[in-house]
Amino acid sequence: MNPMQKTSFLIFSSDEKFFRMPKSIYLAGPEVFLPNAFEILKQNKELCKNKGFLAVNPFDGEVPKDLPRDTTLARTIFEENCKLIDRVDLIIANCNFFRGACIDDGTAFEIGYGFAKGKEIWGYRKDLIPLHLKTKEILSVVIHDSGYPIDIDGYLLNEDFGNSINLMLEFSIQKSGGKLVQGGLAEVLEELSHR
């Protein structure tokens, strides 16, 4: 049996006192693309453990090592990551921009999938500068006739509501009962450990 299936229920000890199993967390983010991904994700899991949580990451799925490196492998990774999310109590997502002015699209999917499954979702960013202002720092823009900045691909920077990431993601996090935190994983865990 997967250890994730045993989380968040009461255990009775011989002296009739009870305690709650650690909450389980799925760590979403683009760390899987780092050259030292295994080391970083291991450190992140250890950080969670030190705060009393049981963490899994996208590398923890049951992916056979003999699969060809093609869409069969990609599909299996997708299916296994969904299974991991299904089993956890909450998701913590790295919402820093990735390869441009948006969060990693795989992480965005995991936030949406988790929200649809009723998971509590937390996110973190180095800063909480409003999205349209942060995007202007990253992309080349000019002023359009509408008064909004427009990027070189022809898209307006008109999501100027004060949210720090795409509104569908930020409010998925909020509505799930979580929060978008300024800082990193450690700051999210600190907030969670004091609830």
C-alpha atoms as a PDB file:
ATOM      1  CA  MET A   1       0.000   0.000   0.000  1.00  0.00           C
ATOM      2  CA  ASN A   2       1.197   3.489  -0.823  1.00  0.00           C
ATOM      3  CA  PRO A   3       2.129   5.389   2.371  1.00  0.00           C
ATOM      4  CA  MET A   4       0.188   8.387   1.101  1.00  0.00           C
ATOM      5  CA  GLN A   5      -3.052   6.428   1.546  1.00  0.00           C
ATOM      6  CA  LYS A   6      -2.508   6.361   5.318  1.00  0.00           C
ATOM      7  CA  THR A   7      -2.327  10.092   6.001  1.00  0.00           C
ATOM      8  CA  SER A   8      -4.624  12.382   7.931  1.00  0.00           C
ATOM      9  CA  PHE A   9      -6.555   9.971  10.107  1.00  0.00           C
ATOM     10  CA  LEU A  10      -6.481   9.326  13.818  1.00  0.00           C
ATOM     11  CA  ILE A  11      -4.213   6.687  15.311  1.00  0.00           C
ATOM     12  CA  PHE A  12      -4.778   5.385  18.837  1.00  0.00           C
ATOM     13  CA  SER A  13      -1.832   4.435  20.983  1.00  0.00           C
ATOM     14  CA  SER A  14      -1.887   1.846  23.778  1.00  0.00           C
ATOM     15  CA  ASP A  15      -2.466   4.519  26.407  1.00  0.00           C
ATOM     16  CA  GLU A  16      -5.637   5.721  24.606  1.00  0.00           C
ATOM     17  CA  LYS A  17      -4.121   9.042  23.527  1.00  0.00           C
ATOM     18  CA  PHE A  18      -4.439   9.846  19.870  1.00  0.00           C
ATOM     19  CA  PHE A  19      -2.521  11.862  17.373  1.00  0.00           C
ATOM     20  CA  ARG A  20      -3.029  12.904  13.783  1.00  0.00           C
ATOM     21  CA  MET A  21      -0.800  11.541  11.052  1.00  0.00           C
ATOM     22  CA  PRO A  22       1.241  14.196   9.241  1.00  0.00           C
ATOM     23  CA  LYS A  23      -0.547  16.057   6.485  1.00  0.00           C
ATOM     24  CA  SER A  24       0.703  15.063   3.054  1.00  0.00           C
ATOM     25  CA  ILE A  25       1.878  17.580   0.478  1.00  0.00           C
ATOM     26  CA  TYR A  26       2.460  17.446  -3.271  1.00  0.00           C
ATOM     27  CA  LEU A  27       5.319  19.792  -4.206  1.00  0.00           C
ATOM     28  CA  ALA A  28       4.489  21.344  -7.587  1.00  0.00           C
ATOM     29  CA  GLY A  29       6.942  23.478  -9.512  1.00  0.00           C
ATOM     30  CA  PRO A  30       9.557  23.667 -12.241  1.00  0.00           C
ATOM     31  CA  GLU A  31      12.344  22.283 -10.016  1.00  0.00           C
ATOM     32  CA  VAL A  32      12.165  19.055 -12.057  1.00  0.00           C
ATOM     33  CA  PHE A  33      13.941  20.958 -14.856  1.00  0.00           C
ATOM     34  CA  LEU A  34      16.956  21.944 -12.751  1.00  0.00           C
ATOM     35  CA  PRO A  35      20.243  20.128 -13.429  1.00  0.00           C
ATOM     36  CA  ASN A  36      20.345  19.171  -9.720  1.00  0.00           C
ATOM     37  CA  ALA A  37      16.600  18.460  -9.492  1.00  0.00           C
ATOM     38  CA  PHE A  38      16.886  15.285  -7.397  1.00  0.00           C
ATOM     39  CA  GLU A  39      19.046  17.044  -4.806  1.00  0.00           C
ATOM     40  CA  ILE A  40      16.783  20.115  -4.615  1.00  0.00           C
ATOM     41  CA  LEU A  41      13.599  18.046  -4.359  1.00  0.00           C
ATOM     42  CA  LYS A  42      15.162  15.845  -1.690  1.00  0.00           C
ATOM     43  CA  GLN A  43      16.046  18.980   0.313  1.00  0.00           C
ATOM     44  CA  ASN A  44      12.484  20.275  -0.119  1.00  0.00           C
ATOM     45  CA  LYS A  45      11.018  17.003   1.133  1.00  0.00           C
ATOM     46  CA  GLU A  46      13.361  17.115   4.131  1.00  0.00           C
ATOM     47  CA  LEU A  47      12.280  20.685   4.869  1.00  0.00           C
ATOM     48  CA  CYS A  48       8.648  19.495   4.882  1.00  0.00           C
ATOM     49  CA  LYS A  49       9.509  16.561   7.129  1.00  0.00           C
ATOM     50  CA  ASN A  50      11.246  18.867   9.614  1.00  0.00           C
ATOM     51  CA  LYS A  51       8.011  20.874   9.863  1.00  0.00           C
ATOM     52  CA  GLY A  52       5.911  17.749  10.429  1.00  0.00           C
ATOM     53  CA  PHE A  53       4.643  17.116   6.886  1.00  0.00           C
ATOM     54  CA  LEU A  54       5.006  14.182   4.508  1.00  0.00           C
ATOM     55  CA  ALA A  55       5.899  15.443   1.032  1.00  0.00           C
ATOM     56  CA  VAL A  56       5.963  13.917  -2.422  1.00  0.00           C
ATOM     57  CA  ASN A  57       7.092  15.441  -5.695  1.00  0.00           C
ATOM     58  CA  PRO A  58       6.665  14.592  -9.392  1.00  0.00           C
ATOM     59  CA  PHE A  59       9.605  12.157  -9.246  1.00  0.00           C
ATOM     60  CA  ASP A  60       7.780   9.967  -6.709  1.00  0.00           C
ATOM     61  CA  GLY A  61       5.357   8.416  -9.184  1.00  0.00           C
ATOM     62  CA  GLU A  62       5.687   4.746 -10.113  1.00  0.00           C
ATOM     63  CA  VAL A  63       7.237   5.152 -13.562  1.00  0.00           C
ATOM     64  CA  PRO A  64       8.856   1.986 -14.976  1.00  0.00           C
ATOM     65  CA  LYS A  65      12.508   2.591 -15.797  1.00  0.00           C
ATOM     66  CA  ASP A  66      12.336   0.613 -19.049  1.00  0.00           C
ATOM     67  CA  LEU A  67       9.788   2.829 -20.828  1.00  0.00           C
ATOM     68  CA  PRO A  68      10.964   4.355 -24.114  1.00  0.00           C
ATOM     69  CA  ARG A  69      11.639   8.094 -23.980  1.00  0.00           C
ATOM     70  CA  ASP A  70       8.577   9.070 -26.000  1.00  0.00           C
ATOM     71  CA  THR A  71       4.921   9.960 -25.438  1.00  0.00           C
ATOM     72  CA  THR A  72       4.383   6.665 -23.592  1.00  0.00           C
ATOM     73  CA  LEU A  73       6.745   7.908 -20.894  1.00  0.00           C
ATOM     74  CA  ALA A  74       5.175  11.382 -20.951  1.00  0.00           C
ATOM     75  CA  ARG A  75       1.667   9.922 -20.539  1.00  0.00           C
ATOM     76  CA  THR A  76       2.826   7.714 -17.668  1.00  0.00           C
ATOM     77  CA  ILE A  77       4.401  10.689 -15.874  1.00  0.00           C
ATOM     78  CA  PHE A  78       1.151  12.629 -16.297  1.00  0.00           C
ATOM     79  CA  GLU A  79      -0.941   9.761 -14.926  1.00  0.00           C
ATOM     80  CA  GLU A  80       1.385   9.152 -11.986  1.00  0.00           C
ATOM     81  CA  ASN A  81       1.502  12.836 -11.041  1.00  0.00           C
ATOM     82  CA  CYS A  82      -2.303  12.953 -11.051  1.00  0.00           C
ATOM     83  CA  LYS A  83      -2.375   9.880  -8.791  1.00  0.00           C
ATOM     84  CA  LEU A  84       0.050  11.557  -6.383  1.00  0.00           C
ATOM     85  CA  ILE A  85      -2.142  14.661  -6.229  1.00  0.00           C
ATOM     86  CA  ASP A  86      -5.215  12.487  -5.660  1.00  0.00           C
ATOM     87  CA  ARG A  87      -3.561  10.964  -2.562  1.00  0.00           C
ATOM     88  CA  VAL A  88      -2.305  14.084  -0.788  1.00  0.00           C
ATOM     89  CA  ASP A  89      -4.003  16.538   1.532  1.00  0.00           C
ATOM     90  CA  LEU A  90      -2.636  19.698  -0.039  1.00  0.00           C
ATOM     91  CA  ILE A  91      -0.458  21.153  -2.770  1.00  0.00           C
ATOM     92  CA  ILE A  92       2.349  23.676  -2.404  1.00  0.00           C
ATOM     93  CA  ALA A  93       3.202  25.270  -5.759  1.00  0.00           C
ATOM     94  CA  ASN A  94       6.261  27.239  -6.799  1.00  0.00           C
ATOM     95  CA  CYS A  95       4.571  30.153  -8.597  1.00  0.00           C
ATOM     96  CA  ASN A  96       7.712  31.993  -9.668  1.00  0.00           C
ATOM     97  CA  PHE A  97       7.866  32.811 -13.366  1.00  0.00           C
ATOM     98  CA  PHE A  98       9.402  30.126 -15.549  1.00  0.00           C
ATOM     99  CA  ARG A  99      10.874  30.690 -19.014  1.00  0.00           C
ATOM    100  CA  GLY A 100       9.047  33.986 -19.421  1.00  0.00           C
ATOM    101  CA  ALA A 101       6.309  35.937 -17.678  1.00  0.00           C
ATOM    102  CA  CYS A 102       4.093  33.088 -16.470  1.00  0.00           C
ATOM    103  CA  ILE A 103       4.387  30.260 -13.985  1.00  0.00           C
ATOM    104  CA  ASP A 104       5.337  26.824 -15.289  1.00  0.00           C
ATOM    105  CA  ASP A 105       2.380  25.465 -17.264  1.00  0.00           C
ATOM    106  CA  GLY A 106       2.678  22.023 -15.666  1.00  0.00           C
ATOM    107  CA  THR A 107       2.441  23.657 -12.251  1.00  0.00           C
ATOM    108  CA  ALA A 108      -0.556  25.672 -13.458  1.00  0.00           C
ATOM    109  CA  PHE A 109      -2.267  22.430 -14.478  1.00  0.00           C
ATOM    110  CA  GLU A 110      -1.496  20.844 -11.108  1.00  0.00           C
ATOM    111  CA  ILE A 111      -3.056  23.834  -9.330  1.00  0.00           C
ATOM    112  CA  GLY A 112      -6.185  23.526 -11.477  1.00  0.00           C
ATOM    113  CA  TYR A 113      -6.343  19.747 -11.105  1.00  0.00           C
ATOM    114  CA  GLY A 114      -5.921  20.024  -7.351  1.00  0.00           C
ATOM    115  CA  PHE A 115      -8.606  22.708  -7.156  1.00  0.00           C
ATOM    116  CA  ALA A 116     -11.029  20.507  -9.113  1.00  0.00           C
ATOM    117  CA  LYS A 117     -10.279  17.646  -6.703  1.00  0.00           C
ATOM    118  CA  GLY A 118     -10.976  19.815  -3.644  1.00  0.00           C
ATOM    119  CA  LYS A 119      -7.356  20.031  -2.461  1.00  0.00           C
ATOM    120  CA  GLU A 120      -6.073  22.892  -0.337  1.00  0.00           C
ATOM    121  CA  ILE A 121      -3.468  24.748  -2.400  1.00  0.00           C
ATOM    122  CA  TRP A 122      -0.702  27.080  -1.294  1.00  0.00           C
ATOM    123  CA  GLY A 123       1.713  28.943  -3.543  1.00  0.00           C
ATOM    124  CA  TYR A 124       4.823  31.037  -3.176  1.00  0.00           C
ATOM    125  CA  ARG A 125       6.641  33.721  -5.148  1.00  0.00           C
ATOM    126  CA  LYS A 126       9.776  35.735  -4.490  1.00  0.00           C
ATOM    127  CA  ASP A 127       7.640  38.864  -4.686  1.00  0.00           C
ATOM    128  CA  LEU A 128       3.952  39.690  -4.951  1.00  0.00           C
ATOM    129  CA  ILE A 129       4.287  42.534  -7.441  1.00  0.00           C
ATOM    130  CA  PRO A 130       1.081  42.802  -9.519  1.00  0.00           C
ATOM    131  CA  LEU A 131       1.214  40.640 -12.628  1.00  0.00           C
ATOM    132  CA  HIS A 132       0.983  43.427 -15.198  1.00  0.00           C
ATOM    133  CA  LEU A 133       3.849  45.356 -13.580  1.00  0.00           C
ATOM    134  CA  LYS A 134       6.071  42.284 -13.227  1.00  0.00           C
ATOM    135  CA  THR A 135       5.355  41.294 -16.824  1.00  0.00           C
ATOM    136  CA  LYS A 136       6.486  44.748 -18.034  1.00  0.00           C
ATOM    137  CA  GLU A 137       9.823  44.144 -16.286  1.00  0.00           C
ATOM    138  CA  ILE A 138      10.329  40.920 -18.234  1.00  0.00           C
ATOM    139  CA  LEU A 139       8.827  41.490 -21.688  1.00  0.00           C
ATOM    140  CA  SER A 140       9.388  44.184 -24.282  1.00  0.00           C
ATOM    141  CA  VAL A 141       6.224  46.258 -24.499  1.00  0.00           C
ATOM    142  CA  VAL A 142       4.957  49.414 -26.160  1.00  0.00           C
ATOM    143  CA  ILE A 143       1.846  51.449 -25.400  1.00  0.00           C
ATOM    144  CA  HIS A 144      -1.176  50.452 -27.491  1.00  0.00           C
ATOM    145  CA  ASP A 145      -3.933  52.809 -28.667  1.00  0.00           C
ATOM    146  CA  SER A 146      -6.092  51.352 -25.866  1.00  0.00           C
ATOM    147  CA  GLY A 147      -3.695  52.831 -23.308  1.00  0.00           C
ATOM    148  CA  TYR A 148      -2.509  49.395 -22.198  1.00  0.00           C
ATOM    149  CA  PRO A 149       1.006  48.107 -22.816  1.00  0.00           C
ATOM    150  CA  ILE A 150       1.132  45.488 -25.560  1.00  0.00           C
ATOM    151  CA  ASP A 151       3.821  42.830 -26.023  1.00  0.00           C
ATOM    152  CA  ILE A 152       5.609  41.949 -29.253  1.00  0.00           C
ATOM    153  CA  ASP A 153       3.173  39.068 -29.854  1.00  0.00           C
ATOM    154  CA  GLY A 154       0.205  41.442 -29.825  1.00  0.00           C
ATOM    155  CA  TYR A 155      -1.213  40.660 -26.369  1.00  0.00           C
ATOM    156  CA  LEU A 156      -2.317  43.463 -24.056  1.00  0.00           C
ATOM    157  CA  LEU A 157      -1.139  43.613 -20.454  1.00  0.00           C
ATOM    158  CA  ASN A 158      -4.694  44.308 -19.301  1.00  0.00           C
ATOM    159  CA  GLU A 159      -4.878  41.959 -16.296  1.00  0.00           C
ATOM    160  CA  ASP A 160      -4.231  44.927 -14.021  1.00  0.00           C
ATOM    161  CA  PHE A 161      -6.351  43.958 -11.011  1.00  0.00           C
ATOM    162  CA  GLY A 162      -3.549  43.632  -8.461  1.00  0.00           C
ATOM    163  CA  ASN A 163      -3.166  39.839  -8.606  1.00  0.00           C
ATOM    164  CA  SER A 164       0.424  38.560  -8.706  1.00  0.00           C
ATOM    165  CA  ILE A 165      -0.157  35.544 -10.957  1.00  0.00           C
ATOM    166  CA  ASN A 166      -2.874  34.718 -13.466  1.00  0.00           C
ATOM    167  CA  LEU A 167      -6.194  35.381 -11.744  1.00  0.00           C
ATOM    168  CA  MET A 168      -7.484  31.850 -12.386  1.00  0.00           C
ATOM    169  CA  LEU A 169      -4.525  30.476 -10.446  1.00  0.00           C
ATOM    170  CA  GLU A 170      -4.368  33.049  -7.670  1.00  0.00           C
ATOM    171  CA  PHE A 171      -8.046  32.695  -6.870  1.00  0.00           C
ATOM    172  CA  SER A 172      -7.938  28.899  -7.150  1.00  0.00           C
ATOM    173  CA  ILE A 173      -5.344  29.066  -4.383  1.00  0.00           C
ATOM    174  CA  GLN A 174      -7.437  31.460  -2.278  1.00  0.00           C
ATOM    175  CA  LYS A 175     -10.748  29.677  -2.801  1.00  0.00           C
ATOM    176  CA  SER A 176      -9.169  26.328  -1.873  1.00  0.00           C
ATOM    177  CA  GLY A 177      -8.370  27.685   1.594  1.00  0.00           C
ATOM    178  CA  GLY A 178      -4.709  28.295   0.832  1.00  0.00           C
ATOM    179  CA  LYS A 179      -2.684  31.415   0.259  1.00  0.00           C
ATOM    180  CA  LEU A 180      -0.111  32.872  -2.115  1.00  0.00           C
ATOM    181  CA  VAL A 181       2.867  33.671   0.130  1.00  0.00           C
ATOM    182  CA  GLN A 182       5.796  35.990  -0.506  1.00  0.00           C
ATOM    183  CA  GLY A 183       9.004  34.003  -0.102  1.00  0.00           C
ATOM    184  CA  GLY A 184       9.664  30.340  -0.685  1.00  0.00           C
ATOM    185  CA  LEU A 185       8.735  26.878   0.499  1.00  0.00           C
ATOM    186  CA  ALA A 186      10.097  27.571   3.992  1.00  0.00           C
ATOM    187  CA  GLU A 187       7.767  30.542   4.442  1.00  0.00           C
ATOM    188  CA  VAL A 188       4.719  28.521   3.368  1.00  0.00           C
ATOM    189  CA  LEU A 189       5.635  25.675   5.726  1.00  0.00           C
ATOM    190  CA  GLU A 190       6.100  28.152   8.569  1.00  0.00           C
ATOM    191  CA  GLU A 191       2.575  29.472   8.058  1.00  0.00           C
ATOM    192  CA  LEU A 192       1.122  25.974   7.758  1.00  0.00           C
ATOM    193  CA  SER A 193       2.880  24.751  10.900  1.00  0.00           C
ATOM    194  CA  HIS A 194       1.220  27.473  12.985  1.00  0.00           C
ATOM    195  CA  ARG A 195      -2.352  26.615  12.016  1.00  0.00           C
END
